[in-house]
């Protein structure tokens, strides 16, 4: 459902949910590790999708619990959406060969 809303609205930042004033967002052009943004008032926290650990920021304890519960309930969808928004992180890397320098004469 969230993916469809993102594609139809062409948002740069899908707002997945709003739980008691906590905005759950995800951006494109992101970095490792895969994570969500949870905002409450002027505070923001980045939670790692894999295990719900805090990557950066803070929230009040009650809001942190709710954001983590949301992530637990929506982990699969969050993972697939992060991959959709950030394909550059999942593209295979080219291997460098040893003999890449040209010989000068």
N, C-alpha and C. Protein backbone atom coordinates (compact mmCIF):
# COMPACT_ATOMS: atom_id res chain seq x y z
N UNK A 1 0.82 -1.19 0.00
CA UNK A 1 0.00 0.00 0.00
C UNK A 1 0.86 1.25 0.00
N UNK A 2 1.90 1.30 0.82
CA UNK A 2 2.74 2.48 0.91
C UNK A 2 3.50 2.72 -0.38
N UNK A 3 3.97 1.66 -1.02
CA UNK A 3 4.69 1.80 -2.27
C UNK A 3 3.81 2.41 -3.33
N UNK A 4 2.56 1.97 -3.39
CA UNK A 4 1.62 2.50 -4.38
C UNK A 4 1.38 3.98 -4.13
N UNK A 5 1.24 4.37 -2.88
CA UNK A 5 1.02 5.78 -2.57
C UNK A 5 2.23 6.60 -2.99
N UNK A 6 3.45 6.08 -2.77
CA UNK A 6 4.66 6.79 -3.16
C UNK A 6 4.72 6.98 -4.67
N UNK A 7 4.49 5.92 -5.41
CA UNK A 7 4.59 5.98 -6.86
C UNK A 7 3.53 6.90 -7.44
N UNK A 8 2.32 6.83 -6.92
CA UNK A 8 1.23 7.67 -7.43
C UNK A 8 1.45 9.15 -7.11
N UNK A 9 1.93 9.45 -5.92
CA UNK A 9 2.13 10.84 -5.51
C UNK A 9 3.47 11.39 -5.97
N UNK A 10 4.40 10.51 -6.34
CA UNK A 10 5.75 10.89 -6.75
C UNK A 10 6.43 11.74 -5.69
N UNK A 11 6.24 11.38 -4.44
CA UNK A 11 6.89 12.08 -3.34
C UNK A 11 8.36 11.75 -3.30
N UNK A 12 9.18 12.70 -2.89
CA UNK A 12 10.60 12.42 -2.67
C UNK A 12 10.79 11.79 -1.30
N UNK A 13 9.82 11.97 -0.43
CA UNK A 13 9.92 11.42 0.92
C UNK A 13 8.56 10.86 1.32
N UNK A 14 8.36 9.57 1.14
CA UNK A 14 7.08 9.01 1.54
C UNK A 14 6.85 9.13 3.04
N UNK A 15 5.70 9.63 3.40
CA UNK A 15 5.29 9.65 4.80
C UNK A 15 4.46 8.39 5.00
N UNK A 16 5.06 7.42 5.66
CA UNK A 16 4.40 6.14 5.83
C UNK A 16 3.21 6.22 6.76
N UNK A 17 3.41 6.89 7.86
CA UNK A 17 2.37 6.85 8.89
C UNK A 17 2.53 8.04 9.82
N UNK A 18 1.49 8.29 10.57
CA UNK A 18 1.51 9.30 11.61
C UNK A 18 0.86 8.67 12.83
N UNK A 19 1.71 8.35 13.82
CA UNK A 19 1.24 7.66 15.01
C UNK A 19 1.28 8.62 16.19
N UNK A 20 0.15 9.08 16.63
CA UNK A 20 0.08 9.99 17.78
C UNK A 20 1.09 11.13 17.65
N UNK A 21 1.18 11.73 16.46
CA UNK A 21 2.06 12.87 16.24
C UNK A 21 3.48 12.49 15.81
N UNK A 22 3.78 11.20 15.71
CA UNK A 22 5.09 10.74 15.25
C UNK A 22 5.00 10.50 13.74
N UNK A 23 5.79 11.23 12.97
CA UNK A 23 5.81 11.04 11.52
C UNK A 23 6.88 10.02 11.18
N UNK A 24 6.50 8.99 10.46
CA UNK A 24 7.43 7.96 10.01
C UNK A 24 7.71 8.23 8.53
N UNK A 25 8.97 8.55 8.20
CA UNK A 25 9.36 8.92 6.84
C UNK A 25 10.54 8.10 6.35
N UNK A 26 10.73 8.15 5.02
CA UNK A 26 11.90 7.54 4.40
C UNK A 26 12.28 8.41 3.21
N UNK A 27 13.58 8.61 3.00
CA UNK A 27 14.07 9.46 1.93
C UNK A 27 14.72 8.63 0.83
N UNK A 28 14.84 9.24 -0.36
CA UNK A 28 15.65 8.63 -1.41
C UNK A 28 17.04 9.24 -1.32
N UNK A 29 18.01 8.62 -1.99
CA UNK A 29 19.38 9.11 -1.95
C UNK A 29 20.02 8.94 -0.58
N UNK A 30 19.64 7.90 0.12
CA UNK A 30 20.10 7.67 1.50
C UNK A 30 21.45 6.96 1.56
N UNK A 31 21.83 6.60 2.74
CA UNK A 31 23.10 5.97 3.07
C UNK A 31 22.84 4.71 3.87
N UNK A 32 23.89 3.89 4.04
CA UNK A 32 23.80 2.71 4.89
C UNK A 32 23.81 3.13 6.34
N UNK A 33 23.25 2.39 7.24
CA UNK A 33 22.42 1.20 7.03
C UNK A 33 20.99 1.61 6.67
N UNK A 34 20.23 0.69 6.08
CA UNK A 34 18.83 0.98 5.78
C UNK A 34 18.10 1.40 7.06
N UNK A 35 17.35 2.50 6.98
CA UNK A 35 16.73 3.05 8.18
C UNK A 35 15.48 3.85 7.85
N UNK A 36 14.72 4.15 8.89
CA UNK A 36 13.57 5.05 8.77
C UNK A 36 13.86 6.29 9.60
N UNK A 37 13.13 7.36 9.30
CA UNK A 37 13.18 8.58 10.09
C UNK A 37 11.88 8.67 10.87
N UNK A 38 11.98 8.91 12.15
CA UNK A 38 10.78 9.14 12.98
C UNK A 38 10.92 10.54 13.57
N UNK A 39 9.92 11.38 13.33
CA UNK A 39 9.96 12.76 13.80
C UNK A 39 8.81 13.01 14.77
N UNK A 40 9.15 13.68 15.84
CA UNK A 40 8.14 14.06 16.83
C UNK A 40 8.49 15.48 17.29
N UNK A 41 7.64 16.44 16.90
CA UNK A 41 7.94 17.83 17.20
C UNK A 41 9.24 18.23 16.51
N UNK A 42 10.18 18.77 17.29
CA UNK A 42 11.47 19.18 16.75
C UNK A 42 12.52 18.08 16.83
N UNK A 43 12.16 16.92 17.34
CA UNK A 43 13.12 15.83 17.50
C UNK A 43 12.98 14.81 16.38
N UNK A 44 14.10 14.22 16.04
CA UNK A 44 14.12 13.20 14.98
C UNK A 44 15.10 12.10 15.37
N UNK A 45 14.73 10.88 14.98
CA UNK A 45 15.59 9.73 15.23
C UNK A 45 15.64 8.88 13.98
N UNK A 46 16.78 8.26 13.74
CA UNK A 46 16.93 7.31 12.65
C UNK A 46 17.04 5.93 13.27
N UNK A 47 16.12 5.04 12.89
CA UNK A 47 16.10 3.68 13.41
C UNK A 47 16.50 2.71 12.30
N UNK A 48 17.44 1.84 12.60
CA UNK A 48 17.89 0.83 11.64
C UNK A 48 16.77 -0.17 11.43
N UNK A 49 16.43 -0.42 10.17
CA UNK A 49 15.31 -1.31 9.85
C UNK A 49 15.56 -2.73 10.35
N UNK A 50 16.76 -3.21 10.21
CA UNK A 50 17.09 -4.59 10.56
C UNK A 50 16.75 -4.95 12.01
N UNK A 51 17.15 -4.07 12.95
CA UNK A 51 17.00 -4.44 14.37
C UNK A 51 16.37 -3.36 15.25
N UNK A 52 15.99 -2.23 14.66
CA UNK A 52 15.35 -1.16 15.44
C UNK A 52 16.31 -0.37 16.31
N UNK A 53 17.61 -0.58 16.13
CA UNK A 53 18.57 0.16 16.94
C UNK A 53 18.63 1.62 16.50
N UNK A 54 19.08 2.47 17.39
CA UNK A 54 19.19 3.89 17.11
C UNK A 54 20.48 4.14 16.33
N UNK A 55 20.34 4.72 15.15
CA UNK A 55 21.51 5.08 14.36
C UNK A 55 21.96 6.49 14.71
N UNK A 56 20.96 7.38 14.89
CA UNK A 56 21.26 8.77 15.19
C UNK A 56 20.02 9.44 15.75
N UNK A 57 20.21 10.43 16.61
CA UNK A 57 19.11 11.23 17.11
C UNK A 57 18.48 10.68 18.37
N UNK A 58 17.35 11.29 18.73
CA UNK A 58 16.64 10.86 19.94
C UNK A 58 15.17 11.26 19.85
N UNK A 59 14.37 10.55 20.63
CA UNK A 59 12.95 10.84 20.82
C UNK A 59 12.64 10.58 22.28
N UNK A 60 11.57 11.18 22.79
CA UNK A 60 11.14 10.81 24.14
C UNK A 60 10.85 9.30 24.19
N UNK A 61 11.02 8.69 25.34
CA UNK A 61 10.91 7.24 25.51
C UNK A 61 9.60 6.69 24.97
N UNK A 62 8.50 7.32 25.29
CA UNK A 62 7.18 6.84 24.85
C UNK A 62 7.08 6.82 23.32
N UNK A 63 7.54 7.87 22.68
CA UNK A 63 7.49 7.96 21.22
C UNK A 63 8.49 6.99 20.57
N UNK A 64 9.63 6.80 21.21
CA UNK A 64 10.60 5.84 20.70
C UNK A 64 10.02 4.43 20.69
N UNK A 65 9.33 4.06 21.77
CA UNK A 65 8.68 2.74 21.82
C UNK A 65 7.66 2.58 20.70
N UNK A 66 6.87 3.61 20.46
CA UNK A 66 5.85 3.54 19.40
C UNK A 66 6.49 3.45 18.02
N UNK A 67 7.57 4.20 17.79
CA UNK A 67 8.26 4.15 16.50
C UNK A 67 8.87 2.77 16.28
N UNK A 68 9.47 2.20 17.31
CA UNK A 68 10.05 0.86 17.20
C UNK A 68 8.97 -0.19 16.96
N UNK A 69 7.83 -0.05 17.60
CA UNK A 69 6.73 -0.98 17.38
C UNK A 69 6.23 -0.89 15.94
N UNK A 70 6.13 0.34 15.43
CA UNK A 70 5.72 0.51 14.04
C UNK A 70 6.70 -0.21 13.13
N UNK A 71 7.99 -0.03 13.39
CA UNK A 71 9.02 -0.67 12.56
C UNK A 71 8.91 -2.19 12.63
N UNK A 72 8.70 -2.72 13.81
CA UNK A 72 8.53 -4.17 13.97
C UNK A 72 7.34 -4.68 13.16
N UNK A 73 6.24 -3.93 13.20
CA UNK A 73 5.03 -4.33 12.49
C UNK A 73 5.14 -4.15 10.97
N UNK A 74 6.04 -3.30 10.52
CA UNK A 74 6.13 -2.95 9.10
C UNK A 74 7.53 -3.17 8.52
N UNK A 75 8.30 -4.05 9.11
CA UNK A 75 9.69 -4.25 8.72
C UNK A 75 9.84 -4.65 7.25
N UNK A 76 9.05 -5.58 6.79
CA UNK A 76 9.16 -6.05 5.41
C UNK A 76 8.87 -4.93 4.42
N UNK A 77 7.82 -4.18 4.66
CA UNK A 77 7.46 -3.07 3.78
C UNK A 77 8.53 -1.98 3.81
N UNK A 78 9.05 -1.69 4.99
CA UNK A 78 10.10 -0.67 5.12
C UNK A 78 11.35 -1.09 4.35
N UNK A 79 11.71 -2.36 4.44
CA UNK A 79 12.88 -2.86 3.74
C UNK A 79 12.72 -2.73 2.23
N UNK A 80 11.59 -3.18 1.71
CA UNK A 80 11.39 -3.13 0.26
C UNK A 80 11.30 -1.68 -0.24
N UNK A 81 10.71 -0.80 0.53
CA UNK A 81 10.62 0.60 0.12
C UNK A 81 11.99 1.27 0.14
N UNK A 82 12.79 0.96 1.16
CA UNK A 82 14.14 1.51 1.21
C UNK A 82 14.93 1.09 -0.02
N UNK A 83 14.80 -0.16 -0.42
CA UNK A 83 15.49 -0.65 -1.61
C UNK A 83 14.99 0.06 -2.87
N UNK A 84 13.69 0.28 -2.96
CA UNK A 84 13.12 0.97 -4.11
C UNK A 84 13.62 2.40 -4.20
N UNK A 85 13.69 3.09 -3.08
CA UNK A 85 14.11 4.49 -3.06
C UNK A 85 15.61 4.66 -3.19
N UNK A 86 16.38 3.62 -2.89
CA UNK A 86 17.83 3.73 -2.86
C UNK A 86 18.52 2.63 -3.64
N UNK A 87 18.21 2.50 -4.93
CA UNK A 87 18.80 1.41 -5.71
C UNK A 87 20.32 1.52 -5.82
N UNK A 88 20.86 2.73 -5.69
CA UNK A 88 22.30 2.91 -5.79
C UNK A 88 23.06 2.15 -4.69
N UNK A 89 22.41 1.87 -3.59
CA UNK A 89 23.06 1.13 -2.50
C UNK A 89 23.09 -0.37 -2.75
N UNK A 90 22.27 -0.83 -3.69
CA UNK A 90 22.16 -2.26 -3.95
C UNK A 90 22.73 -2.67 -5.31
N UNK A 91 23.22 -1.71 -6.06
CA UNK A 91 23.80 -2.02 -7.37
C UNK A 91 25.13 -2.74 -7.20
N UNK A 92 25.40 -3.73 -8.04
CA UNK A 92 26.69 -4.42 -7.92
C UNK A 92 27.82 -3.46 -8.25
N UNK A 93 28.89 -3.59 -7.50
CA UNK A 93 30.05 -2.73 -7.72
C UNK A 93 30.99 -3.38 -8.72
N UNK A 94 31.59 -2.53 -9.53
CA UNK A 94 32.56 -3.02 -10.51
C UNK A 94 33.86 -3.32 -9.79
N UNK A 95 34.45 -4.43 -10.14
CA UNK A 95 35.73 -4.78 -9.55
C UNK A 95 36.85 -4.16 -10.36
N UNK A 96 37.81 -3.60 -9.66
CA UNK A 96 38.95 -3.00 -10.33
C UNK A 96 39.95 -4.10 -10.67
N UNK A 97 40.51 -3.98 -11.85
CA UNK A 97 41.54 -4.93 -12.24
C UNK A 97 42.90 -4.39 -11.83
N UNK A 98 43.85 -5.26 -11.67
CA UNK A 98 45.18 -4.86 -11.24
C UNK A 98 45.89 -4.03 -12.29
N UNK A 99 45.68 -4.35 -13.56
CA UNK A 99 46.42 -3.70 -14.63
C UNK A 99 45.57 -2.60 -15.27
N UNK A 100 45.19 -1.60 -14.49
CA UNK A 100 44.36 -0.52 -15.02
C UNK A 100 45.18 0.66 -15.48
N UNK A 101 46.44 0.74 -15.07
CA UNK A 101 47.29 1.86 -15.48
C UNK A 101 47.86 1.61 -16.86
N UNK A 102 47.89 2.65 -17.66
CA UNK A 102 48.50 2.55 -18.98
C UNK A 102 49.99 2.85 -18.88
N UNK A 103 50.73 2.13 -19.61
CA UNK A 103 52.17 2.36 -19.63
C UNK A 103 52.49 3.54 -20.52
N UNK A 104 53.32 4.44 -19.99
CA UNK A 104 53.74 5.60 -20.78
C UNK A 104 55.09 5.31 -21.40
N UNK A 105 55.28 5.82 -22.58
CA UNK A 105 56.56 5.62 -23.28
C UNK A 105 57.32 6.90 -23.36
